[in-house]
Amino acid sequence: MTGEVLDKFSGLISTALGLVAALAWNTAIQNLFTTIFGEAGGALVGQFLYAILITVVVIFATIAVSRAAERAKKLEEEQKGLLGKLKE
């Protein structure tokens, strides 16, 4: 049970730190788009381009993380299978 609690706690801490980093990048990228498109006329266009860009990046990052997690899970299952055979 302690391992499970630590695992969940680790996940929550990682998520919180990821949120802090995401907010920092959000501000930096918004300032970049404001510099490129300006405050006045291009603000709406800039916000939509920013939203589209971030959405595409998040989709690709999510796919990459999901694939990596699946590979790790498969490798772990294979290793458990090998250890089980060695014990027999």
Protein backbone atom coordinates (compact mmCIF):
# COMPACT_ATOMS: atom_id res chain seq x y z
CA MET A 1 0.00 0.00 0.00
CA THR A 2 2.85 2.40 0.79
CA GLY A 3 4.27 1.90 -2.70
CA GLU A 4 0.90 2.69 -4.23
CA VAL A 5 0.56 5.88 -2.17
CA LEU A 6 4.08 6.97 -3.13
CA ASP A 7 3.33 6.21 -6.77
CA LYS A 8 0.18 8.37 -6.71
CA PHE A 9 1.94 11.14 -4.79
CA SER A 10 4.80 11.11 -7.30
CA GLY A 11 2.30 11.42 -10.14
CA LEU A 12 0.55 14.36 -8.48
CA ILE A 13 3.83 16.19 -7.83
CA SER A 14 4.96 15.62 -11.42
CA THR A 15 1.64 16.93 -12.70
CA ALA A 16 1.86 20.04 -10.52
CA LEU A 17 5.39 20.80 -11.68
CA GLY A 18 4.33 20.24 -15.27
CA LEU A 19 1.53 22.75 -14.81
CA VAL A 20 3.98 25.35 -13.46
CA ALA A 21 6.26 24.81 -16.46
CA ALA A 22 3.30 24.97 -18.86
CA LEU A 23 2.13 28.27 -17.40
CA ALA A 24 5.63 29.74 -17.76
CA TRP A 25 5.82 28.62 -21.39
CA ASN A 26 2.28 29.88 -21.99
CA THR A 27 3.25 33.40 -20.94
CA ALA A 28 6.46 33.33 -22.97
CA ILE A 29 4.73 32.10 -26.13
CA GLN A 30 1.88 34.61 -25.74
CA ASN A 31 4.43 37.41 -25.48
CA LEU A 32 6.17 36.10 -28.61
CA PHE A 33 2.89 36.12 -30.55
CA THR A 34 2.09 39.63 -29.27
CA THR A 35 5.51 40.78 -30.47
CA ILE A 36 4.99 39.20 -33.90
CA PHE A 37 1.36 40.19 -34.49
CA GLY A 38 1.11 43.27 -32.27
CA GLU A 39 -1.55 44.19 -29.73
CA ALA A 40 -4.14 45.76 -32.01
CA GLY A 41 -5.28 44.23 -35.29
CA GLY A 42 -3.53 40.88 -35.11
CA ALA A 43 -4.40 40.04 -31.52
CA LEU A 44 -7.33 37.78 -32.38
CA VAL A 45 -5.52 36.13 -35.28
CA GLY A 46 -2.47 35.66 -33.09
CA GLN A 47 -4.51 34.04 -30.33
CA PHE A 48 -6.10 31.59 -32.74
CA LEU A 49 -2.75 30.72 -34.32
CA TYR A 50 -1.31 30.27 -30.84
CA ALA A 51 -4.21 28.01 -29.80
CA ILE A 52 -3.90 25.91 -32.96
CA LEU A 53 -0.12 25.59 -32.59
CA ILE A 54 -0.37 24.56 -28.94
CA THR A 55 -3.15 22.07 -29.72
CA VAL A 56 -1.06 20.41 -32.43
CA VAL A 57 2.00 20.24 -30.15
CA VAL A 58 -0.07 18.76 -27.32
CA ILE A 59 -1.59 16.14 -29.62
CA PHE A 60 1.82 14.99 -30.86
CA ALA A 61 3.28 15.04 -27.33
CA THR A 62 0.35 12.99 -26.02
CA ILE A 63 0.77 10.43 -28.79
CA ALA A 64 4.52 10.19 -28.11
CA VAL A 65 4.02 9.75 -24.36
CA SER A 66 1.28 7.16 -24.88
CA ARG A 67 3.50 5.15 -27.22
CA ALA A 68 6.43 5.34 -24.81
CA ALA A 69 4.22 4.20 -21.93
CA GLU A 70 2.90 1.31 -24.00
CA ARG A 71 6.44 0.23 -24.93
CA ALA A 72 7.52 0.43 -21.28
CA LYS A 73 4.51 -1.60 -20.18
CA LYS A 74 5.18 -4.22 -22.84
CA LEU A 75 8.87 -4.42 -21.86
CA GLU A 76 7.94 -4.77 -18.19
CA GLU A 77 5.53 -7.61 -19.00
CA GLU A 78 8.20 -9.34 -21.09
CA GLN A 79 10.72 -9.04 -18.25
CA LYS A 80 8.23 -10.45 -15.76
CA GLY A 81 7.64 -13.35 -18.12
CA LEU A 82 11.37 -14.01 -18.39
CA LEU A 83 11.84 -13.85 -14.63
CA GLY A 84 8.95 -16.25 -14.15
CA LYS A 85 10.54 -18.72 -16.56
CA LEU A 86 13.92 -18.42 -14.83
CA LYS A 87 12.37 -19.22 -11.43
CA GLU A 88 10.80 -22.40 -12.78
